[in-house]
Structures are given as C-alpha cells and as structure tokens.
C-alpha atoms as a PDB file:
ATOM      1  CA  UNK A   1       2.093 -32.369 -60.241  1.00  0.00           C
ATOM      2  CA  UNK A   2      -0.171 -29.612 -61.133  1.00  0.00           C
ATOM      3  CA  UNK A   3       1.390 -25.854 -61.405  1.00  0.00           C
ATOM      4  CA  UNK A   4      -0.429 -24.762 -58.665  1.00  0.00           C
ATOM      5  CA  UNK A   5       1.671 -27.472 -56.720  1.00  0.00           C
ATOM      6  CA  UNK A   6       5.329 -26.514 -58.104  1.00  0.00           C
ATOM      7  CA  UNK A   7       7.028 -23.400 -56.418  1.00  0.00           C
ATOM      8  CA  UNK A   8       8.012 -20.596 -58.617  1.00  0.00           C
ATOM      9  CA  UNK A   9      11.781 -20.096 -58.926  1.00  0.00           C
ATOM     10  CA  UNK A  10      13.600 -17.631 -57.117  1.00  0.00           C
ATOM     11  CA  UNK A  11      13.171 -13.950 -57.870  1.00  0.00           C
ATOM     12  CA  UNK A  12      15.902 -12.940 -60.601  1.00  0.00           C
ATOM     13  CA  UNK A  13      17.440  -9.440 -61.944  1.00  0.00           C
ATOM     14  CA  UNK A  14      14.329  -8.937 -64.071  1.00  0.00           C
ATOM     15  CA  UNK A  15      11.147  -9.472 -61.592  1.00  0.00           C
ATOM     16  CA  UNK A  16       9.079 -12.280 -62.847  1.00  0.00           C
ATOM     17  CA  UNK A  17       6.191 -14.286 -61.744  1.00  0.00           C
ATOM     18  CA  UNK A  18       3.728 -16.347 -62.643  1.00  0.00           C
ATOM     19  CA  UNK A  19       0.779 -13.494 -61.731  1.00  0.00           C
ATOM     20  CA  UNK A  20       2.897 -11.313 -64.232  1.00  0.00           C
ATOM     21  CA  UNK A  21       2.481 -13.982 -66.852  1.00  0.00           C
ATOM     22  CA  UNK A  22      -0.976 -14.705 -66.333  1.00  0.00           C
ATOM     23  CA  UNK A  23      -1.474 -10.836 -66.944  1.00  0.00           C
ATOM     24  CA  UNK A  24       0.244 -10.643 -70.263  1.00  0.00           C
ATOM     25  CA  UNK A  25      -1.107 -13.932 -71.335  1.00  0.00           C
ATOM     26  CA  UNK A  26      -4.983 -12.644 -70.730  1.00  0.00           C
ATOM     27  CA  UNK A  27      -4.054  -9.586 -72.583  1.00  0.00           C
ATOM     28  CA  UNK A  28      -3.060 -11.625 -75.563  1.00  0.00           C
ATOM     29  CA  UNK A  29      -6.085 -13.527 -75.766  1.00  0.00           C
ATOM     30  CA  UNK A  30      -8.469 -10.617 -74.952  1.00  0.00           C
ATOM     31  CA  UNK A  31      -7.004  -9.018 -78.005  1.00  0.00           C
ATOM     32  CA  UNK A  32      -6.810 -12.006 -80.518  1.00  0.00           C
ATOM     33  CA  UNK A  33      -8.012 -14.922 -78.717  1.00  0.00           C
ATOM     34  CA  UNK A  34      -6.214 -18.307 -77.619  1.00  0.00           C
ATOM     35  CA  UNK A  35      -4.405 -18.191 -80.931  1.00  0.00           C
ATOM     36  CA  UNK A  36      -2.421 -15.474 -80.018  1.00  0.00           C
ATOM     37  CA  UNK A  37      -1.325 -16.935 -77.038  1.00  0.00           C
ATOM     38  CA  UNK A  38       2.170 -18.836 -76.813  1.00  0.00           C
ATOM     39  CA  UNK A  39       5.381 -18.446 -74.637  1.00  0.00           C
ATOM     40  CA  UNK A  40       7.131 -16.899 -76.836  1.00  0.00           C
ATOM     41  CA  UNK A  41       4.477 -14.360 -77.467  1.00  0.00           C
ATOM     42  CA  UNK A  42       4.026 -13.751 -73.794  1.00  0.00           C
ATOM     43  CA  UNK A  43       7.749 -13.539 -73.306  1.00  0.00           C
ATOM     44  CA  UNK A  44       7.931 -11.040 -75.961  1.00  0.00           C
ATOM     45  CA  UNK A  45       5.186  -8.946 -74.082  1.00  0.00           C
ATOM     46  CA  UNK A  46       7.297  -9.115 -70.925  1.00  0.00           C
ATOM     47  CA  UNK A  47      10.613  -8.347 -72.760  1.00  0.00           C
ATOM     48  CA  UNK A  48      12.068 -11.342 -71.207  1.00  0.00           C
ATOM     49  CA  UNK A  49      13.684 -14.716 -73.120  1.00  0.00           C
ATOM     50  CA  UNK A  50      11.059 -17.767 -73.547  1.00  0.00           C
ATOM     51  CA  UNK A  51      13.380 -20.247 -71.734  1.00  0.00           C
ATOM     52  CA  UNK A  52      12.418 -17.556 -68.657  1.00  0.00           C
ATOM     53  CA  UNK A  53       8.811 -18.813 -68.719  1.00  0.00           C
ATOM     54  CA  UNK A  54       9.748 -22.692 -68.170  1.00  0.00           C
ATOM     55  CA  UNK A  55      10.684 -21.762 -64.806  1.00  0.00           C
ATOM     56  CA  UNK A  56       7.179 -20.922 -63.988  1.00  0.00           C
ATOM     57  CA  UNK A  57       5.052 -23.113 -66.268  1.00  0.00           C
ATOM     58  CA  UNK A  58       5.784 -26.443 -68.538  1.00  0.00           C
ATOM     59  CA  UNK A  59       3.463 -26.217 -71.172  1.00  0.00           C
ATOM     60  CA  UNK A  60       0.845 -23.575 -72.956  1.00  0.00           C
ATOM     61  CA  UNK A  61      -1.689 -25.972 -71.444  1.00  0.00           C
ATOM     62  CA  UNK A  62      -0.672 -25.064 -67.917  1.00  0.00           C
ATOM     63  CA  UNK A  63      -1.135 -21.281 -69.169  1.00  0.00           C
ATOM     64  CA  UNK A  64      -4.211 -21.662 -70.074  1.00  0.00           C
ATOM     65  CA  UNK A  65      -5.282 -23.691 -66.843  1.00  0.00           C
ATOM     66  CA  UNK A  66      -3.809 -20.520 -64.800  1.00  0.00           C
ATOM     67  CA  UNK A  67      -5.340 -18.159 -67.299  1.00  0.00           C
ATOM     68  CA  UNK A  68      -9.011 -19.569 -66.245  1.00  0.00           C
ATOM     69  CA  UNK A  69      -8.286 -19.952 -62.771  1.00  0.00           C
ATOM     70  CA  UNK A  70      -7.332 -15.608 -63.064  1.00  0.00           C
ATOM     71  CA  UNK A  71     -10.755 -15.071 -64.484  1.00  0.00           C
ATOM     72  CA  UNK A  72     -12.856 -17.433 -61.982  1.00  0.00           C
ATOM     73  CA  UNK A  73     -11.529 -14.702 -59.266  1.00  0.00           C
ATOM     74  CA  UNK A  74     -14.188 -12.553 -61.378  1.00  0.00           C
ATOM     75  CA  UNK A  75     -17.429 -15.089 -61.319  1.00  0.00           C
ATOM     76  CA  UNK A  76     -16.522 -15.818 -57.567  1.00  0.00           C
ATOM     77  CA  UNK A  77     -19.448 -13.722 -55.525  1.00  0.00           C
ATOM     78  CA  UNK A  78     -18.527 -11.300 -53.121  1.00  0.00           C
ATOM     79  CA  UNK A  79     -21.014 -12.456 -50.502  1.00  0.00           C
ATOM     80  CA  UNK A  80     -22.584 -15.767 -50.185  1.00  0.00           C
ATOM     81  CA  UNK A  81     -25.637 -15.731 -52.389  1.00  0.00           C
ATOM     82  CA  UNK A  82     -29.467 -15.911 -49.846  1.00  0.00           C
ATOM     83  CA  UNK A  83     -30.206 -19.477 -50.913  1.00  0.00           C
ATOM     84  CA  UNK A  84     -29.191 -22.198 -53.798  1.00  0.00           C
ATOM     85  CA  UNK A  85     -31.418 -20.594 -56.593  1.00  0.00           C
ATOM     86  CA  UNK A  86     -29.601 -17.181 -56.163  1.00  0.00           C
ATOM     87  CA  UNK A  87     -26.136 -18.876 -55.674  1.00  0.00           C
ATOM     88  CA  UNK A  88     -26.927 -21.108 -59.189  1.00  0.00           C
ATOM     89  CA  UNK A  89     -28.541 -17.838 -61.152  1.00  0.00           C
ATOM     90  CA  UNK A  90     -25.690 -15.286 -59.624  1.00  0.00           C
ATOM     91  CA  UNK A  91     -22.859 -18.432 -61.009  1.00  0.00           C
ATOM     92  CA  UNK A  92     -24.587 -18.084 -64.404  1.00  0.00           C
ATOM     93  CA  UNK A  93     -25.021 -14.562 -64.498  1.00  0.00           C
ATOM     94  CA  UNK A  94     -21.129 -13.548 -63.621  1.00  0.00           C
ATOM     95  CA  UNK A  95     -19.984 -16.779 -65.811  1.00  0.00           C
ATOM     96  CA  UNK A  96     -21.846 -15.130 -68.677  1.00  0.00           C
ATOM     97  CA  UNK A  97     -20.596 -11.710 -67.931  1.00  0.00           C
ATOM     98  CA  UNK A  98     -16.624 -13.017 -67.112  1.00  0.00           C
ATOM     99  CA  UNK A  99     -16.676 -14.941 -70.937  1.00  0.00           C
ATOM    100  CA  UNK A 100     -18.294 -11.336 -72.666  1.00  0.00           C
ATOM    101  CA  UNK A 101     -15.366  -9.466 -70.965  1.00  0.00           C
ATOM    102  CA  UNK A 102     -12.768 -12.729 -71.773  1.00  0.00           C
ATOM    103  CA  UNK A 103     -14.261 -14.419 -74.844  1.00  0.00           C
ATOM    104  CA  UNK A 104     -11.525 -17.202 -75.499  1.00  0.00           C
ATOM    105  CA  UNK A 105     -12.944 -18.346 -72.086  1.00  0.00           C
ATOM    106  CA  UNK A 106     -16.028 -19.722 -73.702  1.00  0.00           C
ATOM    107  CA  UNK A 107     -13.416 -22.061 -75.511  1.00  0.00           C
ATOM    108  CA  UNK A 108     -12.058 -23.553 -72.307  1.00  0.00           C
ATOM    109  CA  UNK A 109     -15.648 -23.894 -70.620  1.00  0.00           C
ATOM    110  CA  UNK A 110     -16.702 -27.672 -69.908  1.00  0.00           C
ATOM    111  CA  UNK A 111     -14.371 -30.654 -70.309  1.00  0.00           C
ATOM    112  CA  UNK A 112     -12.827 -31.416 -66.878  1.00  0.00           C
ATOM    113  CA  UNK A 113     -13.233 -29.364 -63.988  1.00  0.00           C
ATOM    114  CA  UNK A 114     -10.819 -26.808 -63.177  1.00  0.00           C
ATOM    115  CA  UNK A 115      -8.489 -26.892 -60.305  1.00  0.00           C
ATOM    116  CA  UNK A 116      -6.817 -23.813 -59.333  1.00  0.00           C
ATOM    117  CA  UNK A 117      -7.819 -21.994 -56.146  1.00  0.00           C
ATOM    118  CA  UNK A 118     -10.432 -19.495 -57.542  1.00  0.00           C
ATOM    119  CA  UNK A 119     -12.228 -22.134 -59.615  1.00  0.00           C
ATOM    120  CA  UNK A 120     -11.984 -24.236 -56.758  1.00  0.00           C
ATOM    121  CA  UNK A 121     -13.910 -21.598 -54.510  1.00  0.00           C
ATOM    122  CA  UNK A 122     -16.328 -20.939 -56.969  1.00  0.00           C
ATOM    123  CA  UNK A 123     -17.632 -24.624 -56.828  1.00  0.00           C
ATOM    124  CA  UNK A 124     -17.070 -24.661 -53.214  1.00  0.00           C
ATOM    125  CA  UNK A 125     -19.374 -21.470 -52.957  1.00  0.00           C
ATOM    126  CA  UNK A 126     -22.201 -23.388 -55.312  1.00  0.00           C
ATOM    127  CA  UNK A 127     -22.160 -26.882 -53.543  1.00  0.00           C
ATOM    128  CA  UNK A 128     -22.492 -24.938 -49.990  1.00  0.00           C
ATOM    129  CA  UNK A 129     -25.477 -23.315 -51.253  1.00  0.00           C
ATOM    130  CA  UNK A 130     -26.712 -26.652 -52.170  1.00  0.00           C
ATOM    131  CA  UNK A 131     -25.609 -28.659 -49.367  1.00  0.00           C
ATOM    132  CA  UNK A 132     -28.144 -31.013 -47.521  1.00  0.00           C
ATOM    133  CA  UNK A 133     -31.066 -30.116 -49.956  1.00  0.00           C
ATOM    134  CA  UNK A 134     -31.169 -33.676 -51.718  1.00  0.00           C
ATOM    135  CA  UNK A 135     -28.496 -36.850 -51.472  1.00  0.00           C
ATOM    136  CA  UNK A 136     -25.242 -36.053 -53.139  1.00  0.00           C
ATOM    137  CA  UNK A 137     -26.005 -37.512 -56.545  1.00  0.00           C
ATOM    138  CA  UNK A 138     -29.096 -35.796 -56.953  1.00  0.00           C
ATOM    139  CA  UNK A 139     -26.881 -32.426 -55.857  1.00  0.00           C
ATOM    140  CA  UNK A 140     -23.929 -33.262 -58.437  1.00  0.00           C
ATOM    141  CA  UNK A 141     -26.775 -33.842 -61.118  1.00  0.00           C
ATOM    142  CA  UNK A 142     -28.259 -30.333 -60.459  1.00  0.00           C
ATOM    143  CA  UNK A 143     -25.302 -28.540 -60.951  1.00  0.00           C
ATOM    144  CA  UNK A 144     -23.894 -30.764 -63.853  1.00  0.00           C
ATOM    145  CA  UNK A 145     -27.364 -29.845 -65.336  1.00  0.00           C
ATOM    146  CA  UNK A 146     -27.331 -26.328 -64.704  1.00  0.00           C
ATOM    147  CA  UNK A 147     -23.629 -25.826 -65.961  1.00  0.00           C
ATOM    148  CA  UNK A 148     -24.367 -27.852 -69.145  1.00  0.00           C
ATOM    149  CA  UNK A 149     -27.214 -25.114 -70.351  1.00  0.00           C
ATOM    150  CA  UNK A 150     -24.478 -22.283 -69.160  1.00  0.00           C
ATOM    151  CA  UNK A 151     -21.749 -23.371 -70.978  1.00  0.00           C
ATOM    152  CA  UNK A 152     -23.934 -24.481 -74.096  1.00  0.00           C
ATOM    153  CA  UNK A 153     -25.787 -20.875 -73.972  1.00  0.00           C
ATOM    154  CA  UNK A 154     -22.646 -19.048 -73.558  1.00  0.00           C
ATOM    155  CA  UNK A 155     -20.596 -20.433 -76.194  1.00  0.00           C
ATOM    156  CA  UNK A 156     -23.860 -20.105 -78.935  1.00  0.00           C
ATOM    157  CA  UNK A 157     -23.748 -16.490 -78.005  1.00  0.00           C
ATOM    158  CA  UNK A 158     -20.160 -16.088 -78.289  1.00  0.00           C
ATOM    159  CA  UNK A 159     -20.563 -18.075 -81.999  1.00  0.00           C
ATOM    160  CA  UNK A 160     -23.215 -15.470 -82.783  1.00  0.00           C
ATOM    161  CA  UNK A 161     -20.610 -12.606 -82.166  1.00  0.00           C
ATOM    162  CA  UNK A 162     -17.737 -14.243 -83.963  1.00  0.00           C
ATOM    163  CA  UNK A 163     -20.066 -14.229 -86.956  1.00  0.00           C
ATOM    164  CA  UNK A 164     -21.147 -11.158 -86.979  1.00  0.00           C
ATOM    165  CA  UNK A 165     -17.329  -9.978 -87.000  1.00  0.00           C
ATOM    166  CA  UNK A 166     -16.367 -12.608 -89.866  1.00  0.00           C
ATOM    167  CA  UNK A 167     -19.187 -11.324 -92.041  1.00  0.00           C
ATOM    168  CA  UNK A 168     -19.426  -7.729 -90.792  1.00  0.00           C
ATOM    169  CA  UNK A 169     -23.352  -8.783 -90.616  1.00  0.00           C
ATOM    170  CA  UNK A 170     -25.266  -7.909 -87.221  1.00  0.00           C
ATOM    171  CA  UNK A 171     -28.004 -10.746 -86.649  1.00  0.00           C
ATOM    172  CA  UNK A 172     -30.567  -8.613 -88.170  1.00  0.00           C
ATOM    173  CA  UNK A 173     -28.535  -7.817 -91.140  1.00  0.00           C
ATOM    174  CA  UNK A 174     -27.974 -11.302 -91.646  1.00  0.00           C
ATOM    175  CA  UNK A 175     -31.791 -12.606 -91.148  1.00  0.00           C
ATOM    176  CA  UNK A 176     -32.169  -9.580 -94.118  1.00  0.00           C
ATOM    177  CA  UNK A 177     -29.704 -10.698 -96.562  1.00  0.00           C
ATOM    178  CA  UNK A 178     -30.812 -14.711 -95.866  1.00  0.00           C
ATOM    179  CA  UNK A 179     -34.752 -13.671 -96.015  1.00  0.00           C
ATOM    180  CA  UNK A 180     -35.272 -14.208 -99.901  1.00  0.00           C
ATOM    181  CA  UNK A 181     -33.648 -17.849 -99.402  1.00  0.00           C
ATOM    182  CA  UNK A 182     -35.646 -18.878 -96.201  1.00  0.00           C
ATOM    183  CA  UNK A 183     -38.824 -17.155 -98.032  1.00  0.00           C
ATOM    184  CA  UNK A 184     -38.254 -19.778-100.791  1.00  0.00           C
ATOM    185  CA  UNK A 185     -38.005 -22.651 -98.739  1.00  0.00           C
ATOM    186  CA  UNK A 186     -40.954 -21.803 -96.279  1.00  0.00           C
ATOM    187  CA  UNK A 187     -43.250 -21.571-100.061  1.00  0.00           C
ATOM    188  CA  UNK A 188     -42.597 -24.980-100.745  1.00  0.00           C
ATOM    189  CA  UNK A 189     -44.570 -26.014 -97.853  1.00  0.00           C
ATOM    190  CA  UNK A 190     -42.156 -28.635 -96.286  1.00  0.00           C
ATOM    191  CA  UNK A 191     -41.464 -26.628 -93.334  1.00  0.00           C
ATOM    192  CA  UNK A 192     -44.991 -25.670 -91.662  1.00  0.00           C
ATOM    193  CA  UNK A 193     -43.620 -25.801 -87.997  1.00  0.00           C
ATOM    194  CA  UNK A 194     -40.553 -23.285 -89.040  1.00  0.00           C
ATOM    195  CA  UNK A 195     -42.676 -21.112 -91.155  1.00  0.00           C
ATOM    196  CA  UNK A 196     -45.190 -20.859 -88.146  1.00  0.00           C
ATOM    197  CA  UNK A 197     -42.015 -19.894 -85.717  1.00  0.00           C
ATOM    198  CA  UNK A 198     -40.682 -17.655 -88.604  1.00  0.00           C
ATOM    199  CA  UNK A 199     -43.688 -15.637 -89.158  1.00  0.00           C
ATOM    200  CA  UNK A 200     -45.310 -15.447 -85.573  1.00  0.00           C
ATOM    201  CA  UNK A 201     -42.599 -16.098 -83.391  1.00  0.00           C
ATOM    202  CA  UNK A 202     -40.842 -13.277 -81.219  1.00  0.00           C
ATOM    203  CA  UNK A 203     -37.328 -12.197 -80.853  1.00  0.00           C
ATOM    204  CA  UNK A 204     -35.537 -11.495 -77.719  1.00  0.00           C
ATOM    205  CA  UNK A 205     -32.332 -10.192 -76.615  1.00  0.00           C
ATOM    206  CA  UNK A 206     -29.748 -12.634 -75.861  1.00  0.00           C
ATOM    207  CA  UNK A 207     -29.495 -11.807 -71.959  1.00  0.00           C
ATOM    208  CA  UNK A 208     -33.192 -12.268 -72.197  1.00  0.00           C
ATOM    209  CA  UNK A 209     -32.891 -15.683 -73.826  1.00  0.00           C
ATOM    210  CA  UNK A 210     -30.052 -16.411 -71.573  1.00  0.00           C
ATOM    211  CA  UNK A 211     -32.028 -15.474 -68.374  1.00  0.00           C
ATOM    212  CA  UNK A 212     -35.681 -17.111 -69.212  1.00  0.00           C
ATOM    213  CA  UNK A 213     -33.492 -20.567 -70.132  1.00  0.00           C
ATOM    214  CA  UNK A 214     -31.672 -20.309 -66.958  1.00  0.00           C
ATOM    215  CA  UNK A 215     -34.914 -20.105 -65.087  1.00  0.00           C
ATOM    216  CA  UNK A 216     -36.517 -22.943 -66.988  1.00  0.00           C
ATOM    217  CA  UNK A 217     -33.487 -25.131 -65.787  1.00  0.00           C
ATOM    218  CA  UNK A 218     -33.613 -23.571 -62.064  1.00  0.00           C
ATOM    219  CA  UNK A 219     -37.498 -24.727 -61.982  1.00  0.00           C
ATOM    220  CA  UNK A 220     -36.530 -28.295 -63.089  1.00  0.00           C
ATOM    221  CA  UNK A 221     -34.094 -28.483 -60.344  1.00  0.00           C
ATOM    222  CA  UNK A 222     -36.140 -26.969 -57.695  1.00  0.00           C
ATOM    223  CA  UNK A 223     -38.420 -30.157 -58.839  1.00  0.00           C
ATOM    224  CA  UNK A 224     -35.896 -32.702 -58.221  1.00  0.00           C
ATOM    225  CA  UNK A 225     -34.401 -30.912 -54.771  1.00  0.00           C
ATOM    226  CA  UNK A 226     -38.282 -30.845 -53.211  1.00  0.00           C
ATOM    227  CA  UNK A 227     -39.188 -34.235 -54.411  1.00  0.00           C
ATOM    228  CA  UNK A 228     -39.297 -36.524 -51.303  1.00  0.00           C
ATOM    229  CA  UNK A 229     -36.970 -39.357 -51.349  1.00  0.00           C
ATOM    230  CA  UNK A 230     -38.785 -42.937 -52.900  1.00  0.00           C
END
C-alpha cells in the first residue's frame, strides 16, 4: 500500500497533516539538500515529537515520494498544450525550472515512475497529447527518450551549479584556472579534434543549450511519429 492509499490519522490537539509535513521537508531540502531531510528535523521544524510523524508516513523514502509529488504540481501545465511537441517541450522546461527552484529534485529524477496524484496528472497530460499519433510502443519510446534527455541535461546543469558553490569558481573562472593545463595538453598534438573545439567552438548559456538539445530530440521524435507503419 502506498502512502497515498493510507488515510491520515484523526486530528489531534496540535494540528498536523501530510501537507504541513511535506512543506517543512521541502523547506529543509531547499535550504540544504536532501541530506538535511530527516523525520527528526522535520518534526523539530513543526515543533512536534518525531513519533507523531509515523502516523502520516512510515519511512523517509515515503516522505521523498510526497515531496516529489508536491513539486510535480509546479510542473503540471495550467492549460492543455496545443500539440504533442508543445506538450513535451513545456513539460521539459517546466521540469527544469522546478529543479532550479528545488535543486534536490535532480537527485530523485529518473528511476521508477512517480505515482502520486500530481505526477500521474503530469504523465496523463503528456500521454494525452501523443495519443493516437502512433502505436503505443512508439509513443512510450518517445516519452522515454525525451525524459532521458531532460533528466540527463538537468542533472548536468545542477552538477555544474554545485561545483561552482563547492569551489567558489564560476564556469568562466574555472576555465581560466584550468587554462594552462589544457593548453599544455593540447600542445602535445595528441588531441587535435578536442583542440579544434576548444579554440573554435562557441559557448552558450545553460538554458540555450537545454532548449537546443531538446529541439533536436523532438525533431527525432517527430520523424518516428510521422513515419508510416511498415
């Protein structure tokens, strides 16, 4: 039985419910990451004993499930998108923005599907936009492919943000600090392809890179969706 299938305990003298518990946990995670989230710390923030929380959830993993589902409410579009491509693009960008607001979410993306009501609503909106465009197998592979790109790109961006905080160096500062080493290595002549990209390649910001890669993935998906059946 999932946490969503179990009823909450009756109201007690000090008001408490899963909504307040999840809000406290998200606040802790936003401040210090998932390592800061524990039932003890959540209880302390709510000024209740830790045992009170076990009437609402059984494990920290269930708390993470509730937190992920709460953030999915931020990903769900306000209105149905115009077509499948816009649906997938909107979902990707809203997911990225949600992760940048709640960086800890990057650590929980991927893996088994989220089963909370908000997450299911996001999945429903995505699948509904693709319904009837191809056989179910093709649609599922399309959704999985876009999802894999979005998850990977977001995790890479978050990893860079965390590296900046850990080192105190921005991306540009890190490049300057690493420049002498890279220059010496390229001067050996062992890495001609890399040298060309380093010297002649262009740099774009994270949002532009994300949007460009997403469009390429959507172009590939479009080719599969419009291909006549064999």
